[in-house]
All heavy atoms as atom14 arrays in JSON, in Angstrom:
{
  "sequence": "ISVVVLTSESYRVERLMAYLDPWAPEHVYGTGYQLTQSLIAFGRG",
  "atom14_mask": [
    [1, 1, 1, 1, 1, 1, 1, 1, 0, 0, 0, 0, 0, 0],
    [1, 1, 1, 1, 1, 1, 0, 0, 0, 0, 0, 0, 0, 0],
    [1, 1, 1, 1, 1, 1, 1, 0, 0, 0, 0, 0, 0, 0],
    [1, 1, 1, 1, 1, 1, 1, 0, 0, 0, 0, 0, 0, 0],
    [1, 1, 1, 1, 1, 1, 1, 0, 0, 0, 0, 0, 0, 0],
    [1, 1, 1, 1, 1, 1, 1, 1, 0, 0, 0, 0, 0, 0],
    [1, 1, 1, 1, 1, 1, 1, 0, 0, 0, 0, 0, 0, 0],
    [1, 1, 1, 1, 1, 1, 0, 0, 0, 0, 0, 0, 0, 0],
    [1, 1, 1, 1, 1, 1, 1, 1, 1, 0, 0, 0, 0, 0],
    [1, 1, 1, 1, 1, 1, 0, 0, 0, 0, 0, 0, 0, 0],
    [1, 1, 1, 1, 1, 1, 1, 1, 1, 1, 1, 1, 0, 0],
    [1, 1, 1, 1, 1, 1, 1, 1, 1, 1, 1, 0, 0, 0],
    [1, 1, 1, 1, 1, 1, 1, 0, 0, 0, 0, 0, 0, 0],
    [1, 1, 1, 1, 1, 1, 1, 1, 1, 0, 0, 0, 0, 0],
    [1, 1, 1, 1, 1, 1, 1, 1, 1, 1, 1, 0, 0, 0],
    [1, 1, 1, 1, 1, 1, 1, 1, 0, 0, 0, 0, 0, 0],
    [1, 1, 1, 1, 1, 1, 1, 1, 0, 0, 0, 0, 0, 0],
    [1, 1, 1, 1, 1, 0, 0, 0, 0, 0, 0, 0, 0, 0],
    [1, 1, 1, 1, 1, 1, 1, 1, 1, 1, 1, 1, 0, 0],
    [1, 1, 1, 1, 1, 1, 1, 1, 0, 0, 0, 0, 0, 0],
    [1, 1, 1, 1, 1, 1, 1, 1, 0, 0, 0, 0, 0, 0],
    [1, 1, 1, 1, 1, 1, 1, 0, 0, 0, 0, 0, 0, 0],
    [1, 1, 1, 1, 1, 1, 1, 1, 1, 1, 1, 1, 1, 1],
    [1, 1, 1, 1, 1, 0, 0, 0, 0, 0, 0, 0, 0, 0],
    [1, 1, 1, 1, 1, 1, 1, 0, 0, 0, 0, 0, 0, 0],
    [1, 1, 1, 1, 1, 1, 1, 1, 1, 0, 0, 0, 0, 0],
    [1, 1, 1, 1, 1, 1, 1, 1, 1, 1, 0, 0, 0, 0],
    [1, 1, 1, 1, 1, 1, 1, 0, 0, 0, 0, 0, 0, 0],
    [1, 1, 1, 1, 1, 1, 1, 1, 1, 1, 1, 1, 0, 0],
    [1, 1, 1, 1, 0, 0, 0, 0, 0, 0, 0, 0, 0, 0],
    [1, 1, 1, 1, 1, 1, 1, 0, 0, 0, 0, 0, 0, 0],
    [1, 1, 1, 1, 0, 0, 0, 0, 0, 0, 0, 0, 0, 0],
    [1, 1, 1, 1, 1, 1, 1, 1, 1, 1, 1, 1, 0, 0],
    [1, 1, 1, 1, 1, 1, 1, 1, 1, 0, 0, 0, 0, 0],
    [1, 1, 1, 1, 1, 1, 1, 1, 0, 0, 0, 0, 0, 0],
    [1, 1, 1, 1, 1, 1, 1, 0, 0, 0, 0, 0, 0, 0],
    [1, 1, 1, 1, 1, 1, 1, 1, 1, 0, 0, 0, 0, 0],
    [1, 1, 1, 1, 1, 1, 0, 0, 0, 0, 0, 0, 0, 0],
    [1, 1, 1, 1, 1, 1, 1, 1, 0, 0, 0, 0, 0, 0],
    [1, 1, 1, 1, 1, 1, 1, 1, 0, 0, 0, 0, 0, 0],
    [1, 1, 1, 1, 1, 0, 0, 0, 0, 0, 0, 0, 0, 0],
    [1, 1, 1, 1, 1, 1, 1, 1, 1, 1, 1, 0, 0, 0],
    [1, 1, 1, 1, 0, 0, 0, 0, 0, 0, 0, 0, 0, 0],
    [1, 1, 1, 1, 1, 1, 1, 1, 1, 1, 1, 0, 0, 0],
    [1, 1, 1, 1, 0, 0, 0, 0, 0, 0, 0, 0, 0, 0]
  ],
  "atom14_positions": [
    [[0.84, -1.18, -0.01], [0.01, 0.0, 0.0], [0.87, 1.24, 0.01], [0.57, 2.25, -0.66], [-0.96, 0.01, 1.23], [-1.96, -1.14, 1.09], [-1.66, 1.34, 1.34], [-2.83, -1.34, 2.31], [0.0, 0.0, 0.0], [0.0, 0.0, 0.0], [0.0, 0.0, 0.0], [0.0, 0.0, 0.0], [0.0, 0.0, 0.0], [0.0, 0.0, 0.0]],
    [[1.99, 1.22, 0.73], [2.9, 2.38, 0.8], [3.45, 2.67, -0.56], [3.57, 3.83, -0.97], [4.03, 2.11, 1.81], [3.51, 1.95, 3.1], [0.0, 0.0, 0.0], [0.0, 0.0, 0.0], [0.0, 0.0, 0.0], [0.0, 0.0, 0.0], [0.0, 0.0, 0.0], [0.0, 0.0, 0.0], [0.0, 0.0, 0.0], [0.0, 0.0, 0.0]],
    [[3.86, 1.6, -1.29], [4.41, 1.83, -2.65], [3.32, 2.42, -3.56], [3.61, 3.36, -4.35], [4.9, 0.48, -3.22], [5.24, 0.61, -4.68], [6.12, -0.03, -2.43], [0.0, 0.0, 0.0], [0.0, 0.0, 0.0], [0.0, 0.0, 0.0], [0.0, 0.0, 0.0], [0.0, 0.0, 0.0], [0.0, 0.0, 0.0], [0.0, 0.0, 0.0]],
    [[2.1, 1.92, -3.47], [1.0, 2.44, -4.27], [0.77, 3.95, -3.97], [0.65, 4.75, -4.89], [-0.27, 1.65, -4.07], [-1.46, 2.29, -4.79], [-0.1, 0.2, -4.57], [0.0, 0.0, 0.0], [0.0, 0.0, 0.0], [0.0, 0.0, 0.0], [0.0, 0.0, 0.0], [0.0, 0.0, 0.0], [0.0, 0.0, 0.0], [0.0, 0.0, 0.0]],
    [[0.68, 4.25, -2.67], [0.45, 5.65, -2.26], [1.62, 6.51, -2.71], [1.45, 7.66, -3.19], [0.27, 5.72, -0.74], [0.25, 7.17, -0.27], [-1.01, 5.0, -0.33], [0.0, 0.0, 0.0], [0.0, 0.0, 0.0], [0.0, 0.0, 0.0], [0.0, 0.0, 0.0], [0.0, 0.0, 0.0], [0.0, 0.0, 0.0], [0.0, 0.0, 0.0]],
    [[2.86, 6.0, -2.58], [4.02, 6.78, -2.9], [4.08, 7.15, -4.41], [4.54, 8.23, -4.77], [5.31, 6.0, -2.52], [6.64, 6.72, -2.63], [6.65, 7.91, -1.64], [7.78, 5.76, -2.34], [0.0, 0.0, 0.0], [0.0, 0.0, 0.0], [0.0, 0.0, 0.0], [0.0, 0.0, 0.0], [0.0, 0.0, 0.0], [0.0, 0.0, 0.0]],
    [[3.59, 6.25, -5.21], [3.64, 6.47, -6.68], [2.33, 7.07, -7.27], [2.22, 7.25, -8.44], [4.0, 5.18, -7.4], [3.0, 4.16, -7.03], [5.34, 4.68, -7.01], [0.0, 0.0, 0.0], [0.0, 0.0, 0.0], [0.0, 0.0, 0.0], [0.0, 0.0, 0.0], [0.0, 0.0, 0.0], [0.0, 0.0, 0.0], [0.0, 0.0, 0.0]],
    [[1.35, 7.32, -6.39], [0.06, 7.76, -6.88], [0.02, 9.29, -7.13], [-0.87, 9.75, -7.82], [-1.05, 7.38, -5.89], [-0.84, 8.04, -4.64], [0.0, 0.0, 0.0], [0.0, 0.0, 0.0], [0.0, 0.0, 0.0], [0.0, 0.0, 0.0], [0.0, 0.0, 0.0], [0.0, 0.0, 0.0], [0.0, 0.0, 0.0], [0.0, 0.0, 0.0]],
    [[0.93, 10.02, -6.55], [0.98, 11.45, -6.73], [2.3, 11.85, -7.36], [3.37, 11.37, -7.01], [0.86, 12.17, -5.37], [-0.51, 11.94, -4.64], [-1.61, 12.68, -5.33], [-1.36, 13.58, -6.16], [-2.79, 12.37, -5.0], [0.0, 0.0, 0.0], [0.0, 0.0, 0.0], [0.0, 0.0, 0.0], [0.0, 0.0, 0.0], [0.0, 0.0, 0.0]],
    [[2.22, 12.78, -8.32], [3.42, 13.17, -9.09], [4.46, 13.84, -8.22], [5.68, 13.62, -8.38], [3.02, 14.12, -10.22], [2.37, 15.29, -9.67], [0.0, 0.0, 0.0], [0.0, 0.0, 0.0], [0.0, 0.0, 0.0], [0.0, 0.0, 0.0], [0.0, 0.0, 0.0], [0.0, 0.0, 0.0], [0.0, 0.0, 0.0], [0.0, 0.0, 0.0]],
    [[4.04, 14.61, -7.19], [5.04, 15.3, -6.34], [5.81, 14.29, -5.51], [7.0, 14.52, -5.19], [4.38, 16.38, -5.49], [3.63, 15.86, -4.28], [4.26, 15.75, -3.03], [2.27, 15.5, -4.38], [3.56, 15.28, -1.92], [1.58, 15.04, -3.28], [2.25, 14.93, -2.03], [1.55, 14.49, -0.94], [0.0, 0.0, 0.0], [0.0, 0.0, 0.0]],
    [[5.13, 13.19, -5.12], [5.86, 12.15, -4.36], [6.89, 11.44, -5.24], [7.99, 11.12, -4.78], [4.87, 11.15, -3.77], [3.92, 11.74, -2.71], [3.16, 10.64, -1.97], [2.2, 11.19, -1.04], [0.91, 11.04, -1.09], [0.36, 10.26, -2.02], [0.1, 11.57, -0.19], [0.0, 0.0, 0.0], [0.0, 0.0, 0.0], [0.0, 0.0, 0.0]],
    [[6.52, 11.19, -6.47], [7.42, 10.56, -7.41], [8.64, 11.48, -7.67], [9.77, 11.01, -7.69], [6.74, 10.23, -8.76], [7.74, 9.64, -9.75], [5.6, 9.24, -8.51], [0.0, 0.0, 0.0], [0.0, 0.0, 0.0], [0.0, 0.0, 0.0], [0.0, 0.0, 0.0], [0.0, 0.0, 0.0], [0.0, 0.0, 0.0], [0.0, 0.0, 0.0]],
    [[8.38, 12.74, -7.78], [9.47, 13.74, -7.98], [10.44, 13.74, -6.77], [11.64, 13.8, -6.94], [8.88, 15.1, -8.19], [8.19, 15.3, -9.56], [7.5, 16.63, -9.72], [7.71, 17.47, -8.77], [6.85, 16.87, -10.73], [0.0, 0.0, 0.0], [0.0, 0.0, 0.0], [0.0, 0.0, 0.0], [0.0, 0.0, 0.0], [0.0, 0.0, 0.0]],
    [[9.84, 13.68, -5.57], [10.7, 13.63, -4.37], [11.52, 12.35, -4.35], [12.71, 12.37, -3.96], [9.84, 13.71, -3.13], [9.28, 15.08, -2.84], [8.57, 15.05, -1.51], [8.07, 16.4, -1.16], [7.42, 16.65, 0.01], [7.2, 15.69, 0.86], [6.99, 17.87, 0.23], [0.0, 0.0, 0.0], [0.0, 0.0, 0.0], [0.0, 0.0, 0.0]],
    [[10.93, 11.26, -4.79], [11.65, 9.98, -4.82], [12.83, 10.03, -5.82], [13.92, 9.58, -5.52], [10.67, 8.84, -5.18], [11.29, 7.45, -5.23], [11.89, 7.1, -3.87], [10.24, 6.43, -5.66], [0.0, 0.0, 0.0], [0.0, 0.0, 0.0], [0.0, 0.0, 0.0], [0.0, 0.0, 0.0], [0.0, 0.0, 0.0], [0.0, 0.0, 0.0]],
    [[12.55, 10.62, -7.0], [13.62, 10.71, -8.0], [14.7, 11.65, -7.55], [15.9, 11.41, -7.76], [13.01, 11.21, -9.32], [11.99, 10.26, -9.93], [12.58, 8.57, -10.13], [13.89, 8.84, -11.33], [0.0, 0.0, 0.0], [0.0, 0.0, 0.0], [0.0, 0.0, 0.0], [0.0, 0.0, 0.0], [0.0, 0.0, 0.0], [0.0, 0.0, 0.0]],
    [[14.34, 12.76, -6.84], [15.3, 13.68, -6.34], [16.15, 13.02, -5.22], [17.34, 13.3, -5.08], [14.65, 14.93, -5.8], [0.0, 0.0, 0.0], [0.0, 0.0, 0.0], [0.0, 0.0, 0.0], [0.0, 0.0, 0.0], [0.0, 0.0, 0.0], [0.0, 0.0, 0.0], [0.0, 0.0, 0.0], [0.0, 0.0, 0.0], [0.0, 0.0, 0.0]],
    [[15.51, 12.16, -4.47], [16.24, 11.45, -3.39], [17.3, 10.5, -3.96], [18.39, 10.38, -3.45], [15.23, 10.65, -2.53], [15.74, 9.42, -1.91], [16.62, 9.5, -0.81], [15.31, 8.17, -2.37], [17.06, 8.31, -0.22], [15.78, 7.0, -1.77], [16.63, 7.08, -0.7], [17.12, 5.94, -0.15], [0.0, 0.0, 0.0], [0.0, 0.0, 0.0]],
    [[16.97, 9.88, -5.1], [17.85, 8.96, -5.74], [19.05, 9.65, -6.34], [20.17, 9.13, -6.34], [17.13, 8.1, -6.78], [16.03, 7.18, -6.26], [15.28, 6.53, -7.44], [16.62, 6.13, -5.37], [0.0, 0.0, 0.0], [0.0, 0.0, 0.0], [0.0, 0.0, 0.0], [0.0, 0.0, 0.0], [0.0, 0.0, 0.0], [0.0, 0.0, 0.0]],
    [[18.81, 10.85, -6.83], [19.94, 11.63, -7.47], [19.73, 13.1, -7.24], [19.31, 13.83, -8.14], [20.05, 11.31, -8.92], [21.3, 11.92, -9.57], [22.18, 12.42, -8.82], [21.46, 11.86, -10.81], [0.0, 0.0, 0.0], [0.0, 0.0, 0.0], [0.0, 0.0, 0.0], [0.0, 0.0, 0.0], [0.0, 0.0, 0.0], [0.0, 0.0, 0.0]],
    [[19.93, 13.6, -6.0], [19.63, 14.99, -5.72], [20.52, 16.01, -6.45], [20.14, 17.15, -6.58], [19.87, 15.1, -4.19], [20.83, 14.01, -3.9], [20.48, 12.93, -4.83], [0.0, 0.0, 0.0], [0.0, 0.0, 0.0], [0.0, 0.0, 0.0], [0.0, 0.0, 0.0], [0.0, 0.0, 0.0], [0.0, 0.0, 0.0], [0.0, 0.0, 0.0]],
    [[21.71, 15.59, -6.9], [22.62, 16.48, -7.56], [22.37, 16.6, -9.07], [23.13, 17.34, -9.74], [24.07, 16.03, -7.31], [24.41, 16.0, -5.83], [24.43, 14.91, -5.01], [24.73, 17.12, -5.03], [24.75, 15.29, -3.73], [24.97, 16.63, -3.69], [24.89, 18.51, -5.25], [25.29, 17.45, -2.65], [25.21, 19.32, -4.2], [25.45, 18.8, -2.89]],
    [[21.42, 15.85, -9.58], [21.11, 15.96, -11.03], [20.67, 17.4, -11.34], [19.99, 18.05, -10.52], [20.02, 14.97, -11.39], [0.0, 0.0, 0.0], [0.0, 0.0, 0.0], [0.0, 0.0, 0.0], [0.0, 0.0, 0.0], [0.0, 0.0, 0.0], [0.0, 0.0, 0.0], [0.0, 0.0, 0.0], [0.0, 0.0, 0.0], [0.0, 0.0, 0.0]],
    [[21.02, 17.93, -12.51], [20.7, 19.31, -12.84], [19.21, 19.66, -12.72], [18.85, 20.75, -12.32], [21.14, 19.45, -14.32], [22.24, 18.43, -14.46], [21.85, 17.28, -13.54], [0.0, 0.0, 0.0], [0.0, 0.0, 0.0], [0.0, 0.0, 0.0], [0.0, 0.0, 0.0], [0.0, 0.0, 0.0], [0.0, 0.0, 0.0], [0.0, 0.0, 0.0]],
    [[18.33, 18.67, -13.04], [16.91, 18.94, -12.96], [16.36, 18.92, -11.53], [15.22, 19.27, -11.28], [16.12, 17.92, -13.79], [16.24, 16.48, -13.35], [17.43, 15.76, -13.95], [18.4, 16.41, -14.37], [17.34, 14.51, -14.04], [0.0, 0.0, 0.0], [0.0, 0.0, 0.0], [0.0, 0.0, 0.0], [0.0, 0.0, 0.0], [0.0, 0.0, 0.0]],
    [[17.21, 18.46, -10.54], [16.73, 18.33, -9.19], [17.43, 19.27, -8.22], [16.83, 19.66, -7.2], [16.97, 16.86, -8.69], [16.19, 15.87, -9.41], [16.67, 14.58, -9.65], [14.95, 15.93, -9.98], [15.74, 13.89, -10.32], [14.71, 14.7, -10.51], [0.0, 0.0, 0.0], [0.0, 0.0, 0.0], [0.0, 0.0, 0.0], [0.0, 0.0, 0.0]],
    [[18.64, 19.66, -8.53], [19.49, 20.34, -7.55], [18.88, 21.7, -7.09], [19.09, 22.12, -5.97], [20.94, 20.51, -8.07], [20.97, 21.52, -9.22], [21.89, 20.92, -6.97], [0.0, 0.0, 0.0], [0.0, 0.0, 0.0], [0.0, 0.0, 0.0], [0.0, 0.0, 0.0], [0.0, 0.0, 0.0], [0.0, 0.0, 0.0], [0.0, 0.0, 0.0]],
    [[18.15, 22.36, -7.99], [17.5, 23.59, -7.64], [15.97, 23.42, -7.57], [15.25, 24.41, -7.47], [17.83, 24.7, -8.63], [19.28, 25.12, -8.58], [20.13, 24.83, -9.6], [19.78, 25.76, -7.41], [21.48, 25.2, -9.55], [21.12, 26.14, -7.33], [21.98, 25.81, -8.39], [23.29, 26.19, -8.33], [0.0, 0.0, 0.0], [0.0, 0.0, 0.0]],
    [[15.51, 22.17, -7.55], [14.07, 21.9, -7.49], [13.75, 21.04, -6.26], [13.99, 21.44, -5.12], [0.0, 0.0, 0.0], [0.0, 0.0, 0.0], [0.0, 0.0, 0.0], [0.0, 0.0, 0.0], [0.0, 0.0, 0.0], [0.0, 0.0, 0.0], [0.0, 0.0, 0.0], [0.0, 0.0, 0.0], [0.0, 0.0, 0.0], [0.0, 0.0, 0.0]],
    [[13.24, 19.86, -6.54], [12.79, 18.97, -5.46], [13.94, 18.43, -4.64], [13.77, 17.96, -3.53], [11.99, 17.79, -6.02], [12.72, 17.18, -7.11], [10.64, 18.27, -6.56], [0.0, 0.0, 0.0], [0.0, 0.0, 0.0], [0.0, 0.0, 0.0], [0.0, 0.0, 0.0], [0.0, 0.0, 0.0], [0.0, 0.0, 0.0], [0.0, 0.0, 0.0]],
    [[15.17, 18.47, -5.18], [16.32, 18.01, -4.41], [17.05, 19.1, -3.71], [18.12, 18.85, -3.09], [0.0, 0.0, 0.0], [0.0, 0.0, 0.0], [0.0, 0.0, 0.0], [0.0, 0.0, 0.0], [0.0, 0.0, 0.0], [0.0, 0.0, 0.0], [0.0, 0.0, 0.0], [0.0, 0.0, 0.0], [0.0, 0.0, 0.0], [0.0, 0.0, 0.0]],
    [[16.52, 20.31, -3.75], [17.24, 21.47, -3.18], [17.49, 21.33, -1.68], [18.63, 21.53, -1.2], [16.46, 22.74, -3.48], [17.15, 24.01, -2.95], [18.26, 24.53, -3.61], [16.72, 24.62, -1.79], [18.9, 25.67, -3.11], [17.34, 25.78, -1.31], [18.47, 26.27, -1.98], [19.06, 27.39, -1.51], [0.0, 0.0, 0.0], [0.0, 0.0, 0.0]],
    [[16.46, 20.99, -0.94], [16.63, 20.85, 0.51], [17.69, 19.79, 0.88], [18.52, 20.03, 1.75], [15.32, 20.51, 1.16], [14.36, 21.69, 1.4], [13.13, 21.24, 2.15], [12.37, 20.36, 1.68], [12.81, 21.87, 3.25], [0.0, 0.0, 0.0], [0.0, 0.0, 0.0], [0.0, 0.0, 0.0], [0.0, 0.0, 0.0], [0.0, 0.0, 0.0]],
    [[17.62, 18.7, 0.18], [18.59, 17.64, 0.51], [20.02, 18.04, 0.17], [20.92, 17.79, 0.99], [18.22, 16.36, -0.29], [19.18, 15.16, -0.12], [19.38, 14.8, 1.34], [18.64, 13.94, -0.91], [0.0, 0.0, 0.0], [0.0, 0.0, 0.0], [0.0, 0.0, 0.0], [0.0, 0.0, 0.0], [0.0, 0.0, 0.0], [0.0, 0.0, 0.0]],
    [[20.24, 18.64, -0.97], [21.61, 19.07, -1.31], [22.14, 20.09, -0.31], [23.31, 20.03, 0.12], [21.67, 19.62, -2.74], [20.76, 20.7, -2.88], [21.34, 18.54, -3.74], [0.0, 0.0, 0.0], [0.0, 0.0, 0.0], [0.0, 0.0, 0.0], [0.0, 0.0, 0.0], [0.0, 0.0, 0.0], [0.0, 0.0, 0.0], [0.0, 0.0, 0.0]],
    [[21.3, 21.04, 0.06], [21.74, 22.02, 1.05], [22.0, 21.41, 2.42], [22.9, 21.84, 3.13], [20.7, 23.16, 1.15], [20.48, 23.97, -0.11], [21.76, 24.55, -0.62], [22.55, 25.14, 0.12], [22.03, 24.41, -1.93], [0.0, 0.0, 0.0], [0.0, 0.0, 0.0], [0.0, 0.0, 0.0], [0.0, 0.0, 0.0], [0.0, 0.0, 0.0]],
    [[21.18, 20.42, 2.79], [21.42, 19.71, 4.02], [22.71, 18.98, 3.98], [23.5, 19.01, 4.98], [20.27, 18.75, 4.29], [20.45, 18.01, 5.5], [0.0, 0.0, 0.0], [0.0, 0.0, 0.0], [0.0, 0.0, 0.0], [0.0, 0.0, 0.0], [0.0, 0.0, 0.0], [0.0, 0.0, 0.0], [0.0, 0.0, 0.0], [0.0, 0.0, 0.0]],
    [[23.03, 18.3, 2.88], [24.28, 17.59, 2.75], [25.47, 18.52, 2.79], [26.54, 18.17, 3.35], [24.29, 16.75, 1.45], [23.24, 15.64, 1.39], [23.29, 14.95, 0.02], [23.53, 14.6, 2.49], [0.0, 0.0, 0.0], [0.0, 0.0, 0.0], [0.0, 0.0, 0.0], [0.0, 0.0, 0.0], [0.0, 0.0, 0.0], [0.0, 0.0, 0.0]],
    [[25.33, 19.72, 2.21], [26.39, 20.71, 2.3], [26.66, 21.05, 3.74], [27.78, 21.25, 4.19], [26.03, 21.95, 1.43], [26.06, 21.6, -0.04], [26.94, 23.08, 1.74], [25.52, 22.68, -0.95], [0.0, 0.0, 0.0], [0.0, 0.0, 0.0], [0.0, 0.0, 0.0], [0.0, 0.0, 0.0], [0.0, 0.0, 0.0], [0.0, 0.0, 0.0]],
    [[25.55, 21.23, 4.52], [25.68, 21.6, 5.92], [26.48, 20.52, 6.69], [27.39, 20.84, 7.44], [24.33, 21.79, 6.55], [0.0, 0.0, 0.0], [0.0, 0.0, 0.0], [0.0, 0.0, 0.0], [0.0, 0.0, 0.0], [0.0, 0.0, 0.0], [0.0, 0.0, 0.0], [0.0, 0.0, 0.0], [0.0, 0.0, 0.0], [0.0, 0.0, 0.0]],
    [[26.15, 19.26, 6.42], [26.86, 18.18, 7.08], [28.33, 18.19, 6.66], [29.25, 17.96, 7.49], [26.24, 16.82, 6.75], [25.03, 16.48, 7.56], [23.75, 16.67, 7.11], [25.15, 15.98, 8.85], [22.61, 16.4, 7.83], [24.04, 15.67, 9.61], [22.79, 15.87, 9.12], [0.0, 0.0, 0.0], [0.0, 0.0, 0.0], [0.0, 0.0, 0.0]],
    [[28.57, 18.41, 5.39], [29.95, 18.43, 4.89], [30.75, 19.56, 5.52], [31.96, 19.36, 5.88], [0.0, 0.0, 0.0], [0.0, 0.0, 0.0], [0.0, 0.0, 0.0], [0.0, 0.0, 0.0], [0.0, 0.0, 0.0], [0.0, 0.0, 0.0], [0.0, 0.0, 0.0], [0.0, 0.0, 0.0], [0.0, 0.0, 0.0], [0.0, 0.0, 0.0]],
    [[30.19, 20.73, 5.68], [30.9, 21.86, 6.29], [31.2, 21.61, 7.78], [32.16, 22.13, 8.28], [30.07, 23.16, 6.15], [29.92, 23.64, 4.72], [29.31, 25.06, 4.66], [30.31, 26.04, 5.04], [30.29, 26.75, 6.12], [29.33, 26.61, 7.07], [31.26, 27.66, 6.38], [0.0, 0.0, 0.0], [0.0, 0.0, 0.0], [0.0, 0.0, 0.0]],
    [[30.33, 20.8, 8.41], [30.53, 20.55, 9.85], [31.8, 19.78, 10.2], [32.4, 20.01, 11.22], [0.0, 0.0, 0.0], [0.0, 0.0, 0.0], [0.0, 0.0, 0.0], [0.0, 0.0, 0.0], [0.0, 0.0, 0.0], [0.0, 0.0, 0.0], [0.0, 0.0, 0.0], [0.0, 0.0, 0.0], [0.0, 0.0, 0.0], [0.0, 0.0, 0.0]]
  ]
}
């Protein structure tokens, strides 16, 4: 059921794709932006 719900909405699919490759050009300033900035914070620490 979780897989069905996860793939039933386009924004959830976009988040999933951004999670798989947040540094991709189409994600880094979009749905993957929060994750990349978070990873930068961890790296700076």
